[in-house]
Amino acid sequence: MTGTPIRKIEDHFGFFNVELSDAKELYNLIDSNRPSFLRYFPKTCSSCKSEKATINYIRNKILQQKAKEFYFFKLCEGQQIRGILMIKNIDWRIPKGELAYLIDPAIGGKGIMTSAVAQLCDFCFQDLKFHKIFIMADPNNIASVRVAEKNNFQLEGTLRDEFRIETGELVNTHYFGKLSARNKH
């Protein structure tokens, strides 16, 4: 890994743009944690079933990022990819976007993702000039709910049967929103 992180997180972490050369390591992260990631990231998991498929997935995301339709970052501890941060469902008319994130369960629960999302919020508001960002979280995914709450997102409501998990079951989703400090009403 080379270059300067887009944002530095604590002493040993930062997030960087994902590159094609990250395919093997990204695939290994997803594959070794597939049971943990599958429920909330079924599309990512199904798109990264092999190293070659992961290359195609990354290539597609890079194109979407160039078109400002999607942003895709790797969360790194030193040189090692330990998670993913995404900005998706972008609506430039508002402008707003959805934050999504996953972390290697081996380092979860230590506040790392909370800090990473704080930096991602800054990126959205300062660099992208978003008015609003939001997080969609399964009410049963306590870790994700806590990341939203610790980053001062407000629970705006619960959407019923909003997300289809890997089993085909529809589950409710909490919708957490956060407005840019310069645009709060």
Protein backbone atom coordinates (compact mmCIF):
# COMPACT_ATOMS: atom_id res chain seq x y z
CA MET A 1 0.00 0.00 0.00
CA THR A 2 1.33 3.38 -0.92
CA GLY A 3 0.22 6.92 -0.61
CA THR A 4 -1.40 9.09 1.95
CA PRO A 5 -4.63 7.97 3.56
CA ILE A 6 -7.77 9.88 2.64
CA ARG A 7 -8.31 10.10 6.39
CA LYS A 8 -6.14 8.91 9.26
CA ILE A 9 -7.88 7.06 12.06
CA GLU A 10 -6.07 6.86 15.39
CA ASP A 11 -2.37 5.91 15.21
CA HIS A 12 -2.33 2.76 13.11
CA PHE A 13 -5.41 3.04 10.90
CA GLY A 14 -6.43 5.00 7.82
CA PHE A 15 -8.69 4.64 4.84
CA PHE A 16 -7.57 4.64 1.26
CA ASN A 17 -9.16 4.23 -2.16
CA VAL A 18 -9.47 0.57 -3.14
CA GLU A 19 -7.23 -0.39 -6.07
CA LEU A 20 -7.20 -3.40 -8.38
CA SER A 21 -4.03 -4.60 -6.67
CA ASP A 22 -6.09 -5.04 -3.47
CA ALA A 23 -8.22 -7.82 -4.97
CA LYS A 24 -6.43 -10.78 -3.37
CA GLU A 25 -6.35 -9.26 0.11
CA LEU A 26 -9.93 -7.99 -0.14
CA TYR A 27 -11.12 -11.38 -1.35
CA ASN A 28 -9.30 -13.08 1.55
CA LEU A 29 -10.90 -10.71 4.07
CA ILE A 30 -14.37 -11.36 2.69
CA ASP A 31 -13.90 -15.08 2.19
CA SER A 32 -12.45 -15.73 5.65
CA ASN A 33 -15.35 -13.81 7.25
CA ARG A 34 -18.10 -14.69 4.78
CA PRO A 35 -20.48 -16.09 7.44
CA SER A 36 -20.24 -12.82 9.42
CA PHE A 37 -20.51 -10.54 6.38
CA LEU A 38 -23.15 -12.40 4.35
CA ARG A 39 -26.22 -11.29 6.30
CA TYR A 40 -25.62 -7.57 5.82
CA PHE A 41 -23.49 -7.55 2.65
CA PRO A 42 -25.03 -10.22 0.40
CA LYS A 43 -24.25 -8.31 -2.82
CA THR A 44 -20.61 -7.71 -1.88
CA CYS A 45 -20.17 -11.33 -0.81
CA SER A 46 -21.79 -12.70 -3.97
CA SER A 47 -19.66 -10.37 -6.12
CA CYS A 48 -16.43 -11.51 -4.42
CA LYS A 49 -16.62 -15.30 -4.68
CA SER A 50 -13.11 -15.57 -6.13
CA GLU A 51 -10.07 -13.38 -6.58
CA LYS A 52 -10.96 -12.90 -10.26
CA ALA A 53 -14.54 -11.95 -9.39
CA THR A 54 -13.19 -9.51 -6.79
CA ILE A 55 -11.04 -7.85 -9.47
CA ASN A 56 -14.17 -7.33 -11.57
CA TYR A 57 -16.06 -6.03 -8.52
CA ILE A 58 -13.30 -3.52 -7.72
CA ARG A 59 -13.05 -2.47 -11.39
CA ASN A 60 -16.79 -1.76 -11.42
CA LYS A 61 -16.60 0.21 -8.16
CA ILE A 62 -13.68 2.28 -9.46
CA LEU A 63 -15.74 3.20 -12.53
CA GLN A 64 -18.69 4.11 -10.31
CA GLN A 65 -16.38 6.24 -8.16
CA LYS A 66 -15.06 8.10 -11.21
CA ALA A 67 -18.68 8.84 -12.10
CA LYS A 68 -19.30 9.96 -8.47
CA GLU A 69 -22.01 7.32 -8.06
CA PHE A 70 -20.26 5.30 -5.33
CA TYR A 71 -17.17 5.65 -3.13
CA PHE A 72 -15.21 2.58 -2.03
CA PHE A 73 -12.46 2.63 0.58
CA LYS A 74 -10.31 0.09 2.37
CA LEU A 75 -9.78 0.46 6.09
CA CYS A 76 -6.16 -0.40 6.77
CA GLU A 77 -4.18 -1.18 9.88
CA GLY A 78 -0.65 -0.44 8.75
CA GLN A 79 -0.41 -2.30 5.43
CA GLN A 80 -3.25 -4.76 6.09
CA ILE A 81 -6.86 -4.33 4.90
CA ARG A 82 -9.09 -4.78 7.94
CA GLY A 83 -12.40 -3.44 6.65
CA ILE A 84 -14.37 -1.64 3.97
CA LEU A 85 -16.12 1.72 3.95
CA MET A 86 -18.63 2.65 1.26
CA ILE A 87 -20.74 5.61 0.28
CA LYS A 88 -23.63 4.41 -1.85
CA ASN A 89 -27.14 5.36 -2.94
CA ILE A 90 -25.86 8.85 -3.66
CA ASP A 91 -28.39 11.50 -4.62
CA TRP A 92 -26.59 14.62 -5.83
CA ARG A 93 -29.86 16.61 -6.00
CA ILE A 94 -29.89 16.87 -2.19
CA PRO A 95 -26.86 15.91 -1.94
CA LYS A 96 -26.84 12.85 0.30
CA GLY A 97 -25.51 9.31 0.49
CA GLU A 98 -25.68 6.12 2.51
CA LEU A 99 -22.70 4.95 4.55
CA ALA A 100 -21.97 1.24 4.76
CA TYR A 101 -19.09 -0.45 6.50
CA LEU A 102 -17.71 -3.78 7.56
CA ILE A 103 -14.76 -4.72 9.72
CA ASP A 104 -12.80 -7.88 10.37
CA PRO A 105 -14.57 -9.42 13.39
CA ALA A 106 -11.14 -10.08 14.94
CA ILE A 107 -10.79 -6.34 15.63
CA GLY A 108 -14.46 -5.41 16.03
CA GLY A 109 -15.79 -3.94 19.25
CA LYS A 110 -12.76 -1.71 19.88
CA GLY A 111 -14.14 1.57 18.56
CA ILE A 112 -12.13 1.40 15.34
CA MET A 113 -15.15 1.47 13.04
CA THR A 114 -16.75 4.23 15.12
CA SER A 115 -13.63 6.34 14.54
CA ALA A 116 -13.49 5.37 10.85
CA VAL A 117 -17.13 6.37 10.33
CA ALA A 118 -16.44 9.70 12.08
CA GLN A 119 -13.72 10.36 9.50
CA LEU A 120 -16.00 9.17 6.68
CA CYS A 121 -18.63 11.67 7.88
CA ASP A 122 -16.03 14.44 7.70
CA PHE A 123 -15.11 13.32 4.18
CA CYS A 124 -18.77 13.40 3.11
CA PHE A 125 -19.46 16.83 4.57
CA GLN A 126 -16.14 18.55 3.89
CA ASP A 127 -14.92 16.99 0.65
CA LEU A 128 -18.14 15.91 -1.06
CA LYS A 129 -20.21 18.78 0.39
CA PHE A 130 -23.12 16.49 1.28
CA HIS A 131 -26.12 17.97 3.05
CA LYS A 132 -27.11 14.64 4.62
CA ILE A 133 -25.70 11.19 5.20
CA PHE A 134 -27.55 8.15 6.43
CA ILE A 135 -26.97 4.66 7.74
CA MET A 136 -29.37 1.76 7.27
CA ALA A 137 -28.91 -0.77 10.09
CA ASP A 138 -30.71 -3.93 11.11
CA PRO A 139 -32.10 -3.20 14.61
CA ASN A 140 -30.54 -6.51 15.71
CA ASN A 141 -27.07 -5.46 14.50
CA ILE A 142 -26.19 -3.81 17.80
CA ALA A 143 -22.62 -3.00 16.69
CA SER A 144 -23.80 -1.06 13.62
CA VAL A 145 -26.52 0.71 15.60
CA ARG A 146 -23.89 1.78 18.17
CA VAL A 147 -21.59 3.11 15.42
CA ALA A 148 -24.46 5.30 14.19
CA GLU A 149 -25.41 6.47 17.68
CA LYS A 150 -21.81 7.22 18.73
CA ASN A 151 -21.43 9.35 15.60
CA ASN A 152 -24.52 11.41 16.49
CA PHE A 153 -26.80 10.04 13.81
CA GLN A 154 -30.46 10.43 14.68
CA LEU A 155 -32.89 7.53 14.38
CA GLU A 156 -35.42 8.89 11.90
CA GLY A 157 -37.53 5.76 11.75
CA THR A 158 -37.74 2.05 11.18
CA LEU A 159 -38.52 0.85 7.68
CA ARG A 160 -40.48 -2.38 7.74
CA ASP A 161 -39.39 -5.28 5.52
CA GLU A 162 -36.83 -3.02 3.86
CA PHE A 163 -33.85 -5.34 3.35
CA ARG A 164 -33.63 -8.89 2.04
CA ILE A 165 -30.95 -10.92 3.81
CA GLU A 166 -29.09 -13.90 2.35
CA THR A 167 -31.81 -16.36 3.48
CA GLY A 168 -34.41 -14.45 1.46
CA GLU A 169 -36.11 -13.15 4.60
CA LEU A 170 -37.16 -9.50 4.66
CA VAL A 171 -36.01 -7.63 7.77
CA ASN A 172 -36.72 -4.23 9.25
CA THR A 173 -34.11 -1.51 8.96
CA HIS A 174 -33.40 1.46 11.20
CA TYR A 175 -32.81 4.63 9.19
CA PHE A 176 -30.29 6.90 10.91
CA GLY A 177 -29.69 10.36 9.45
CA LYS A 178 -27.15 13.10 10.06
CA LEU A 179 -27.17 16.61 8.63
CA SER A 180 -24.14 18.70 7.88
CA ALA A 181 -23.46 21.15 10.71
CA ARG A 182 -23.62 24.02 8.21
CA ASN A 183 -27.11 22.97 7.04
CA LYS A 184 -28.96 22.01 10.24
CA HIS A 185 -32.43 23.51 10.55
